[in-house]
mmCIF file of all heavy atoms, coordinates in Angstrom:
data_MODEL
# 
_entry.id   MODEL 
# 
loop_
_atom_site.group_PDB 
_atom_site.id 
_atom_site.type_symbol 
_atom_site.label_atom_id 
_atom_site.label_alt_id 
_atom_site.label_comp_id 
_atom_site.label_asym_id 
_atom_site.label_entity_id 
_atom_site.label_seq_id 
_atom_site.pdbx_PDB_ins_code 
_atom_site.Cartn_x 
_atom_site.Cartn_y 
_atom_site.Cartn_z 
_atom_site.occupancy 
_atom_site.B_iso_or_equiv 
_atom_site.pdbx_formal_charge 
_atom_site.auth_seq_id 
_atom_site.auth_comp_id 
_atom_site.auth_asym_id 
_atom_site.auth_atom_id 
_atom_site.pdbx_PDB_model_num 
ATOM 1   N N   . ARG A 1 1  ? 57.448 171.776 104.326 1.00 0.00 ? 1  ARG A N   1 
ATOM 2   C CA  . ARG A 1 1  ? 57.251 172.567 105.524 1.00 0.00 ? 1  ARG A CA  1 
ATOM 3   C C   . ARG A 1 1  ? 58.702 172.996 106.092 1.00 0.00 ? 1  ARG A C   1 
ATOM 4   O O   . ARG A 1 1  ? 59.576 172.088 106.155 1.00 0.00 ? 1  ARG A O   1 
ATOM 5   C CB  . ARG A 1 1  ? 56.508 171.785 106.566 1.00 0.00 ? 1  ARG A CB  1 
ATOM 6   C CG  . ARG A 1 1  ? 56.147 172.423 107.913 1.00 0.00 ? 1  ARG A CG  1 
ATOM 7   C CD  . ARG A 1 1  ? 55.316 171.575 108.683 1.00 0.00 ? 1  ARG A CD  1 
ATOM 8   N NE  . ARG A 1 1  ? 55.208 172.027 110.036 1.00 0.00 ? 1  ARG A NE  1 
ATOM 9   C CZ  . ARG A 1 1  ? 54.173 172.673 110.493 1.00 0.00 ? 1  ARG A CZ  1 
ATOM 10  N NH1 . ARG A 1 1  ? 53.203 172.908 109.588 1.00 0.00 ? 1  ARG A NH1 1 
ATOM 11  N NH2 . ARG A 1 1  ? 54.127 173.099 111.713 1.00 0.00 ? 1  ARG A NH2 1 
ATOM 12  N N   . LEU A 1 2  ? 58.835 174.199 106.468 1.00 0.00 ? 2  LEU A N   1 
ATOM 13  C CA  . LEU A 1 2  ? 60.007 174.743 107.013 1.00 0.00 ? 2  LEU A CA  1 
ATOM 14  C C   . LEU A 1 2  ? 59.824 175.570 108.282 1.00 0.00 ? 2  LEU A C   1 
ATOM 15  O O   . LEU A 1 2  ? 58.966 176.435 108.271 1.00 0.00 ? 2  LEU A O   1 
ATOM 16  C CB  . LEU A 1 2  ? 60.783 175.717 106.043 1.00 0.00 ? 2  LEU A CB  1 
ATOM 17  C CG  . LEU A 1 2  ? 62.032 176.158 106.401 1.00 0.00 ? 2  LEU A CG  1 
ATOM 18  C CD1 . LEU A 1 2  ? 63.127 175.164 106.681 1.00 0.00 ? 2  LEU A CD1 1 
ATOM 19  C CD2 . LEU A 1 2  ? 62.654 177.174 105.397 1.00 0.00 ? 2  LEU A CD2 1 
ATOM 20  N N   . ALA A 1 3  ? 60.387 175.189 109.440 1.00 0.00 ? 3  ALA A N   1 
ATOM 21  C CA  . ALA A 1 3  ? 60.065 175.854 110.673 1.00 0.00 ? 3  ALA A CA  1 
ATOM 22  C C   . ALA A 1 3  ? 61.476 176.032 111.286 1.00 0.00 ? 3  ALA A C   1 
ATOM 23  O O   . ALA A 1 3  ? 62.430 175.290 111.279 1.00 0.00 ? 3  ALA A O   1 
ATOM 24  C CB  . ALA A 1 3  ? 59.197 175.022 111.545 1.00 0.00 ? 3  ALA A CB  1 
ATOM 25  N N   . LEU A 1 4  ? 61.501 177.230 112.124 1.00 0.00 ? 4  LEU A N   1 
ATOM 26  C CA  . LEU A 1 4  ? 62.664 177.656 112.809 1.00 0.00 ? 4  LEU A CA  1 
ATOM 27  C C   . LEU A 1 4  ? 62.325 177.875 114.282 1.00 0.00 ? 4  LEU A C   1 
ATOM 28  O O   . LEU A 1 4  ? 61.282 178.426 114.683 1.00 0.00 ? 4  LEU A O   1 
ATOM 29  C CB  . LEU A 1 4  ? 63.270 179.000 112.361 1.00 0.00 ? 4  LEU A CB  1 
ATOM 30  C CG  . LEU A 1 4  ? 64.310 179.575 113.079 1.00 0.00 ? 4  LEU A CG  1 
ATOM 31  C CD1 . LEU A 1 4  ? 65.659 178.786 112.987 1.00 0.00 ? 4  LEU A CD1 1 
ATOM 32  C CD2 . LEU A 1 4  ? 64.400 181.124 112.754 1.00 0.00 ? 4  LEU A CD2 1 
ATOM 33  N N   . ASP A 1 5  ? 63.196 177.207 115.216 1.00 0.00 ? 5  ASP A N   1 
ATOM 34  C CA  . ASP A 1 5  ? 62.978 177.503 116.669 1.00 0.00 ? 5  ASP A CA  1 
ATOM 35  C C   . ASP A 1 5  ? 64.333 177.803 117.244 1.00 0.00 ? 5  ASP A C   1 
ATOM 36  O O   . ASP A 1 5  ? 65.313 177.159 117.104 1.00 0.00 ? 5  ASP A O   1 
ATOM 37  C CB  . ASP A 1 5  ? 62.620 176.165 117.292 1.00 0.00 ? 5  ASP A CB  1 
ATOM 38  C CG  . ASP A 1 5  ? 62.257 176.139 118.841 1.00 0.00 ? 5  ASP A CG  1 
ATOM 39  O OD1 . ASP A 1 5  ? 62.469 177.404 119.348 1.00 0.00 ? 5  ASP A OD1 1 
ATOM 40  O OD2 . ASP A 1 5  ? 62.067 175.218 119.338 1.00 0.00 ? 5  ASP A OD2 1 
ATOM 41  N N   . HIS A 1 6  ? 64.374 179.186 117.751 1.00 0.00 ? 6  HIS A N   1 
ATOM 42  C CA  . HIS A 1 6  ? 65.644 179.763 118.310 1.00 0.00 ? 6  HIS A CA  1 
ATOM 43  C C   . HIS A 1 6  ? 65.501 180.112 119.744 1.00 0.00 ? 6  HIS A C   1 
ATOM 44  O O   . HIS A 1 6  ? 64.531 180.843 120.047 1.00 0.00 ? 6  HIS A O   1 
ATOM 45  C CB  . HIS A 1 6  ? 66.188 180.825 117.456 1.00 0.00 ? 6  HIS A CB  1 
ATOM 46  C CG  . HIS A 1 6  ? 67.520 181.509 118.081 1.00 0.00 ? 6  HIS A CG  1 
ATOM 47  N ND1 . HIS A 1 6  ? 68.700 180.830 118.015 1.00 0.00 ? 6  HIS A ND1 1 
ATOM 48  C CD2 . HIS A 1 6  ? 67.685 182.640 118.732 1.00 0.00 ? 6  HIS A CD2 1 
ATOM 49  C CE1 . HIS A 1 6  ? 69.601 181.639 118.627 1.00 0.00 ? 6  HIS A CE1 1 
ATOM 50  N NE2 . HIS A 1 6  ? 68.925 182.647 119.008 1.00 0.00 ? 6  HIS A NE2 1 
ATOM 51  N N   . ASN A 1 7  ? 66.221 179.672 120.689 1.00 0.00 ? 7  ASN A N   1 
ATOM 52  C CA  . ASN A 1 7  ? 66.282 180.102 122.048 1.00 0.00 ? 7  ASN A CA  1 
ATOM 53  C C   . ASN A 1 7  ? 67.460 180.751 122.364 1.00 0.00 ? 7  ASN A C   1 
ATOM 54  O O   . ASN A 1 7  ? 68.616 180.223 122.137 1.00 0.00 ? 7  ASN A O   1 
ATOM 55  C CB  . ASN A 1 7  ? 66.119 178.789 122.926 1.00 0.00 ? 7  ASN A CB  1 
ATOM 56  C CG  . ASN A 1 7  ? 65.959 179.130 124.363 1.00 0.00 ? 7  ASN A CG  1 
ATOM 57  O OD1 . ASN A 1 7  ? 64.906 179.508 124.857 1.00 0.00 ? 7  ASN A OD1 1 
ATOM 58  N ND2 . ASN A 1 7  ? 67.055 179.019 125.179 1.00 0.00 ? 7  ASN A ND2 1 
ATOM 59  N N   . GLN A 1 8  ? 67.512 182.022 122.875 1.00 0.00 ? 8  GLN A N   1 
ATOM 60  C CA  . GLN A 1 8  ? 68.672 182.751 123.087 1.00 0.00 ? 8  GLN A CA  1 
ATOM 61  C C   . GLN A 1 8  ? 68.645 183.137 124.645 1.00 0.00 ? 8  GLN A C   1 
ATOM 62  O O   . GLN A 1 8  ? 67.778 183.800 125.109 1.00 0.00 ? 8  GLN A O   1 
ATOM 63  C CB  . GLN A 1 8  ? 68.628 184.129 122.290 1.00 0.00 ? 8  GLN A CB  1 
ATOM 64  C CG  . GLN A 1 8  ? 69.745 185.102 122.532 1.00 0.00 ? 8  GLN A CG  1 
ATOM 65  C CD  . GLN A 1 8  ? 71.112 184.428 122.013 1.00 0.00 ? 8  GLN A CD  1 
ATOM 66  O OE1 . GLN A 1 8  ? 71.098 183.954 120.944 1.00 0.00 ? 8  GLN A OE1 1 
ATOM 67  N NE2 . GLN A 1 8  ? 72.160 184.453 122.836 1.00 0.00 ? 8  GLN A NE2 1 
ATOM 68  N N   . VAL A 1 9  ? 69.838 182.737 125.401 1.00 0.00 ? 9  VAL A N   1 
ATOM 69  C CA  . VAL A 1 9  ? 69.942 183.135 126.698 1.00 0.00 ? 9  VAL A CA  1 
ATOM 70  C C   . VAL A 1 9  ? 70.424 184.628 126.705 1.00 0.00 ? 9  VAL A C   1 
ATOM 71  O O   . VAL A 1 9  ? 71.342 184.949 126.114 1.00 0.00 ? 9  VAL A O   1 
ATOM 72  C CB  . VAL A 1 9  ? 71.016 182.188 127.432 1.00 0.00 ? 9  VAL A CB  1 
ATOM 73  C CG1 . VAL A 1 9  ? 71.312 182.692 128.864 1.00 0.00 ? 9  VAL A CG1 1 
ATOM 74  C CG2 . VAL A 1 9  ? 70.600 180.724 127.445 1.00 0.00 ? 9  VAL A CG2 1 
ATOM 75  N N   . LEU A 1 10 ? 69.735 185.371 127.514 1.00 0.00 ? 10 LEU A N   1 
ATOM 76  C CA  . LEU A 1 10 ? 70.013 186.858 127.725 1.00 0.00 ? 10 LEU A CA  1 
ATOM 77  C C   . LEU A 1 10 ? 70.857 186.950 128.865 1.00 0.00 ? 10 LEU A C   1 
ATOM 78  O O   . LEU A 1 10 ? 71.836 187.767 128.918 1.00 0.00 ? 10 LEU A O   1 
ATOM 79  C CB  . LEU A 1 10 ? 68.803 187.734 127.642 1.00 0.00 ? 10 LEU A CB  1 
ATOM 80  C CG  . LEU A 1 10 ? 67.897 187.588 126.276 1.00 0.00 ? 10 LEU A CG  1 
ATOM 81  C CD1 . LEU A 1 10 ? 66.731 188.383 126.389 1.00 0.00 ? 10 LEU A CD1 1 
ATOM 82  C CD2 . LEU A 1 10 ? 68.811 187.939 125.072 1.00 0.00 ? 10 LEU A CD2 1 
ATOM 83  N N   . ILE A 1 11 ? 70.355 186.491 130.039 1.00 0.00 ? 11 ILE A N   1 
ATOM 84  C CA  . ILE A 1 11 ? 71.074 186.391 131.250 1.00 0.00 ? 11 ILE A CA  1 
ATOM 85  C C   . ILE A 1 11 ? 71.021 185.018 131.740 1.00 0.00 ? 11 ILE A C   1 
ATOM 86  O O   . ILE A 1 11 ? 70.004 184.504 132.175 1.00 0.00 ? 11 ILE A O   1 
ATOM 87  C CB  . ILE A 1 11 ? 70.280 187.426 132.406 1.00 0.00 ? 11 ILE A CB  1 
ATOM 88  C CG1 . ILE A 1 11 ? 70.154 188.906 131.848 1.00 0.00 ? 11 ILE A CG1 1 
ATOM 89  C CG2 . ILE A 1 11 ? 71.011 187.362 133.635 1.00 0.00 ? 11 ILE A CG2 1 
ATOM 90  C CD1 . ILE A 1 11 ? 69.437 189.722 132.754 1.00 0.00 ? 11 ILE A CD1 1 
ATOM 91  N N   . LYS A 1 12 ? 72.207 184.372 132.053 1.00 0.00 ? 12 LYS A N   1 
ATOM 92  C CA  . LYS A 1 12 ? 72.418 183.051 132.306 1.00 0.00 ? 12 LYS A CA  1 
ATOM 93  C C   . LYS A 1 12 ? 71.504 182.753 133.558 1.00 0.00 ? 12 LYS A C   1 
ATOM 94  O O   . LYS A 1 12 ? 71.560 183.259 134.488 1.00 0.00 ? 12 LYS A O   1 
ATOM 95  C CB  . LYS A 1 12 ? 73.874 182.781 132.598 1.00 0.00 ? 12 LYS A CB  1 
ATOM 96  C CG  . LYS A 1 12 ? 74.102 181.389 132.863 1.00 0.00 ? 12 LYS A CG  1 
ATOM 97  C CD  . LYS A 1 12 ? 74.316 180.492 131.706 1.00 0.00 ? 12 LYS A CD  1 
ATOM 98  C CE  . LYS A 1 12 ? 74.820 179.154 131.996 1.00 0.00 ? 12 LYS A CE  1 
ATOM 99  N NZ  . LYS A 1 12 ? 74.420 178.208 131.089 1.00 0.00 ? 12 LYS A NZ  1 
ATOM 100 N N   . ASP A 1 13 ? 70.729 181.640 133.344 1.00 0.00 ? 13 ASP A N   1 
ATOM 101 C CA  . ASP A 1 13 ? 69.745 181.040 134.292 1.00 0.00 ? 13 ASP A CA  1 
ATOM 102 C C   . ASP A 1 13 ? 68.728 182.067 134.898 1.00 0.00 ? 13 ASP A C   1 
ATOM 103 O O   . ASP A 1 13 ? 68.093 181.795 135.908 1.00 0.00 ? 13 ASP A O   1 
ATOM 104 C CB  . ASP A 1 13 ? 70.663 180.617 135.578 1.00 0.00 ? 13 ASP A CB  1 
ATOM 105 C CG  . ASP A 1 13 ? 71.628 179.365 135.186 1.00 0.00 ? 13 ASP A CG  1 
ATOM 106 O OD1 . ASP A 1 13 ? 71.153 178.525 134.273 1.00 0.00 ? 13 ASP A OD1 1 
ATOM 107 O OD2 . ASP A 1 13 ? 72.662 179.270 135.702 1.00 0.00 ? 13 ASP A OD2 1 
ATOM 108 N N   . ARG A 1 14 ? 68.535 183.128 134.272 1.00 0.00 ? 14 ARG A N   1 
ATOM 109 C CA  . ARG A 1 14 ? 67.498 184.051 134.660 1.00 0.00 ? 14 ARG A CA  1 
ATOM 110 C C   . ARG A 1 14 ? 66.622 184.580 133.579 1.00 0.00 ? 14 ARG A C   1 
ATOM 111 O O   . ARG A 1 14 ? 65.383 184.596 133.735 1.00 0.00 ? 14 ARG A O   1 
ATOM 112 C CB  . ARG A 1 14 ? 68.179 185.322 135.361 1.00 0.00 ? 14 ARG A CB  1 
ATOM 113 C CG  . ARG A 1 14 ? 68.867 185.023 136.488 1.00 0.00 ? 14 ARG A CG  1 
ATOM 114 C CD  . ARG A 1 14 ? 68.955 186.286 137.450 1.00 0.00 ? 14 ARG A CD  1 
ATOM 115 N NE  . ARG A 1 14 ? 69.713 186.069 138.488 1.00 0.00 ? 14 ARG A NE  1 
ATOM 116 C CZ  . ARG A 1 14 ? 69.165 185.650 139.677 1.00 0.00 ? 14 ARG A CZ  1 
ATOM 117 N NH1 . ARG A 1 14 ? 67.918 185.499 139.866 1.00 0.00 ? 14 ARG A NH1 1 
ATOM 118 N NH2 . ARG A 1 14 ? 70.004 185.476 140.730 1.00 0.00 ? 14 ARG A NH2 1 
ATOM 119 N N   . LEU A 1 15 ? 67.134 184.766 132.373 1.00 0.00 ? 15 LEU A N   1 
ATOM 120 C CA  . LEU A 1 15 ? 66.277 185.319 131.301 1.00 0.00 ? 15 LEU A CA  1 
ATOM 121 C C   . LEU A 1 15 ? 66.740 184.839 129.960 1.00 0.00 ? 15 LEU A C   1 
ATOM 122 O O   . LEU A 1 15 ? 67.871 184.773 129.613 1.00 0.00 ? 15 LEU A O   1 
ATOM 123 C CB  . LEU A 1 15 ? 66.410 186.924 131.293 1.00 0.00 ? 15 LEU A CB  1 
ATOM 124 C CG  . LEU A 1 15 ? 65.574 187.653 130.281 1.00 0.00 ? 15 LEU A CG  1 
ATOM 125 C CD1 . LEU A 1 15 ? 64.059 187.587 130.690 1.00 0.00 ? 15 LEU A CD1 1 
ATOM 126 C CD2 . LEU A 1 15 ? 66.069 189.132 130.371 1.00 0.00 ? 15 LEU A CD2 1 
ATOM 127 N N   . ALA A 1 16 ? 65.648 184.522 129.199 1.00 0.00 ? 16 ALA A N   1 
ATOM 128 C CA  . ALA A 1 16 ? 65.802 183.962 127.885 1.00 0.00 ? 16 ALA A CA  1 
ATOM 129 C C   . ALA A 1 16 ? 64.754 184.446 126.962 1.00 0.00 ? 16 ALA A C   1 
ATOM 130 O O   . ALA A 1 16 ? 63.719 184.881 127.432 1.00 0.00 ? 16 ALA A O   1 
ATOM 131 C CB  . ALA A 1 16 ? 66.014 182.451 127.710 1.00 0.00 ? 16 ALA A CB  1 
ATOM 132 N N   . LEU A 1 17 ? 65.064 184.342 125.648 1.00 0.00 ? 17 LEU A N   1 
ATOM 133 C CA  . LEU A 1 17 ? 64.045 184.736 124.570 1.00 0.00 ? 17 LEU A CA  1 
ATOM 134 C C   . LEU A 1 17 ? 63.948 183.753 123.679 1.00 0.00 ? 17 LEU A C   1 
ATOM 135 O O   . LEU A 1 17 ? 65.010 183.069 123.072 1.00 0.00 ? 17 LEU A O   1 
ATOM 136 C CB  . LEU A 1 17 ? 64.505 186.075 123.839 1.00 0.00 ? 17 LEU A CB  1 
ATOM 137 C CG  . LEU A 1 17 ? 63.735 186.443 122.618 1.00 0.00 ? 17 LEU A CG  1 
ATOM 138 C CD1 . LEU A 1 17 ? 62.285 186.929 123.229 1.00 0.00 ? 17 LEU A CD1 1 
ATOM 139 C CD2 . LEU A 1 17 ? 64.363 187.520 121.846 1.00 0.00 ? 17 LEU A CD2 1 
ATOM 140 N N   . ARG A 1 18 ? 62.661 183.147 123.325 1.00 0.00 ? 18 ARG A N   1 
ATOM 141 C CA  . ARG A 1 18 ? 62.579 182.064 122.322 1.00 0.00 ? 18 ARG A CA  1 
ATOM 142 C C   . ARG A 1 18 ? 61.556 182.537 121.236 1.00 0.00 ? 18 ARG A C   1 
ATOM 143 O O   . ARG A 1 18 ? 60.646 183.110 121.410 1.00 0.00 ? 18 ARG A O   1 
ATOM 144 C CB  . ARG A 1 18 ? 62.006 180.875 123.128 1.00 0.00 ? 18 ARG A CB  1 
ATOM 145 C CG  . ARG A 1 18 ? 61.944 179.602 122.148 1.00 0.00 ? 18 ARG A CG  1 
ATOM 146 C CD  . ARG A 1 18 ? 61.737 178.460 123.025 1.00 0.00 ? 18 ARG A CD  1 
ATOM 147 N NE  . ARG A 1 18 ? 61.940 177.233 122.221 1.00 0.00 ? 18 ARG A NE  1 
ATOM 148 C CZ  . ARG A 1 18 ? 62.016 176.015 122.717 1.00 0.00 ? 18 ARG A CZ  1 
ATOM 149 N NH1 . ARG A 1 18 ? 61.800 175.873 123.972 1.00 0.00 ? 18 ARG A NH1 1 
ATOM 150 N NH2 . ARG A 1 18 ? 62.182 174.938 122.049 1.00 0.00 ? 18 ARG A NH2 1 
ATOM 151 N N   . VAL A 1 19 ? 62.093 182.276 120.067 1.00 0.00 ? 19 VAL A N   1 
ATOM 152 C CA  . VAL A 1 19 ? 61.386 182.644 118.816 1.00 0.00 ? 19 VAL A CA  1 
ATOM 153 C C   . VAL A 1 19 ? 61.157 181.422 117.982 1.00 0.00 ? 19 VAL A C   1 
ATOM 154 O O   . VAL A 1 19 ? 62.136 180.697 117.702 1.00 0.00 ? 19 VAL A O   1 
ATOM 155 C CB  . VAL A 1 19 ? 61.989 183.711 118.075 1.00 0.00 ? 19 VAL A CB  1 
ATOM 156 C CG1 . VAL A 1 19 ? 61.230 184.090 116.709 1.00 0.00 ? 19 VAL A CG1 1 
ATOM 157 C CG2 . VAL A 1 19 ? 62.315 184.987 118.810 1.00 0.00 ? 19 VAL A CG2 1 
ATOM 158 N N   . ALA A 1 20 ? 59.866 181.124 117.681 1.00 0.00 ? 20 ALA A N   1 
ATOM 159 C CA  . ALA A 1 20 ? 59.510 179.980 116.750 1.00 0.00 ? 20 ALA A CA  1 
ATOM 160 C C   . ALA A 1 20 ? 58.683 180.529 115.661 1.00 0.00 ? 20 ALA A C   1 
ATOM 161 O O   . ALA A 1 20 ? 57.782 181.363 115.792 1.00 0.00 ? 20 ALA A O   1 
ATOM 162 C CB  . ALA A 1 20 ? 58.716 178.887 117.578 1.00 0.00 ? 20 ALA A CB  1 
ATOM 163 N N   . SER A 1 21 ? 59.034 180.109 114.441 1.00 0.00 ? 21 SER A N   1 
ATOM 164 C CA  . SER A 1 21 ? 58.378 180.573 113.222 1.00 0.00 ? 21 SER A CA  1 
ATOM 165 C C   . SER A 1 21 ? 58.126 179.507 112.216 1.00 0.00 ? 21 SER A C   1 
ATOM 166 O O   . SER A 1 21 ? 59.003 178.647 112.021 1.00 0.00 ? 21 SER A O   1 
ATOM 167 C CB  . SER A 1 21 ? 59.081 181.782 112.666 1.00 0.00 ? 21 SER A CB  1 
ATOM 168 O OG  . SER A 1 21 ? 58.394 182.337 111.518 1.00 0.00 ? 21 SER A OG  1 
ATOM 169 N N   . LEU A 1 22 ? 57.073 179.509 111.567 1.00 0.00 ? 22 LEU A N   1 
ATOM 170 C CA  . LEU A 1 22 ? 56.801 178.690 110.372 1.00 0.00 ? 22 LEU A CA  1 
ATOM 171 C C   . LEU A 1 22 ? 57.026 179.540 109.073 1.00 0.00 ? 22 LEU A C   1 
ATOM 172 O O   . LEU A 1 22 ? 56.331 180.369 108.838 1.00 0.00 ? 22 LEU A O   1 
ATOM 173 C CB  . LEU A 1 22 ? 55.341 178.099 110.545 1.00 0.00 ? 22 LEU A CB  1 
ATOM 174 C CG  . LEU A 1 22 ? 54.939 177.168 109.301 1.00 0.00 ? 22 LEU A CG  1 
ATOM 175 C CD1 . LEU A 1 22 ? 55.799 175.893 109.501 1.00 0.00 ? 22 LEU A CD1 1 
ATOM 176 C CD2 . LEU A 1 22 ? 53.449 176.767 109.583 1.00 0.00 ? 22 LEU A CD2 1 
ATOM 177 N N   . PHE A 1 23 ? 58.148 179.160 108.440 1.00 0.00 ? 23 PHE A N   1 
ATOM 178 C CA  . PHE A 1 23 ? 58.474 179.970 107.229 1.00 0.00 ? 23 PHE A CA  1 
ATOM 179 C C   . PHE A 1 23 ? 57.797 179.534 106.010 1.00 0.00 ? 23 PHE A C   1 
ATOM 180 O O   . PHE A 1 23 ? 57.423 180.434 105.167 1.00 0.00 ? 23 PHE A O   1 
ATOM 181 C CB  . PHE A 1 23 ? 59.950 179.944 106.988 1.00 0.00 ? 23 PHE A CB  1 
ATOM 182 C CG  . PHE A 1 23 ? 60.787 180.692 107.938 1.00 0.00 ? 23 PHE A CG  1 
ATOM 183 C CD1 . PHE A 1 23 ? 61.438 180.122 108.989 1.00 0.00 ? 23 PHE A CD1 1 
ATOM 184 C CD2 . PHE A 1 23 ? 60.769 182.072 107.839 1.00 0.00 ? 23 PHE A CD2 1 
ATOM 185 C CE1 . PHE A 1 23 ? 62.164 180.888 109.866 1.00 0.00 ? 23 PHE A CE1 1 
ATOM 186 C CE2 . PHE A 1 23 ? 61.472 182.791 108.682 1.00 0.00 ? 23 PHE A CE2 1 
ATOM 187 C CZ  . PHE A 1 23 ? 62.210 182.210 109.705 1.00 0.00 ? 23 PHE A CZ  1 
ATOM 188 N N   . GLY A 1 24 ? 57.437 178.345 105.757 1.00 0.00 ? 24 GLY A N   1 
ATOM 189 C CA  . GLY A 1 24 ? 56.776 177.881 104.626 1.00 0.00 ? 24 GLY A CA  1 
ATOM 190 C C   . GLY A 1 24 ? 56.046 176.627 104.783 1.00 0.00 ? 24 GLY A C   1 
ATOM 191 O O   . GLY A 1 24 ? 56.582 175.657 105.506 1.00 0.00 ? 24 GLY A O   1 
ATOM 192 N N   . GLU A 1 25 ? 54.987 176.507 104.168 1.00 0.00 ? 25 GLU A N   1 
ATOM 193 C CA  . GLU A 1 25 ? 54.201 175.188 104.107 1.00 0.00 ? 25 GLU A CA  1 
ATOM 194 C C   . GLU A 1 25 ? 53.346 175.163 102.967 1.00 0.00 ? 25 GLU A C   1 
ATOM 195 O O   . GLU A 1 25 ? 52.674 176.063 102.553 1.00 0.00 ? 25 GLU A O   1 
ATOM 196 C CB  . GLU A 1 25 ? 53.339 175.129 105.473 1.00 0.00 ? 25 GLU A CB  1 
ATOM 197 C CG  . GLU A 1 25 ? 52.537 173.867 105.435 1.00 0.00 ? 25 GLU A CG  1 
ATOM 198 C CD  . GLU A 1 25 ? 51.731 173.649 106.807 1.00 0.00 ? 25 GLU A CD  1 
ATOM 199 O OE1 . GLU A 1 25 ? 51.086 174.743 107.148 1.00 0.00 ? 25 GLU A OE1 1 
ATOM 200 O OE2 . GLU A 1 25 ? 51.791 172.636 107.387 1.00 0.00 ? 25 GLU A OE2 1 
# 
């Protein structure tokens, strides 16, 4: 099983984007 979780701050302390994905299982 391979999974990715990335959290990217777009505007400090106000806005962020989070992407989680299961690549293989």
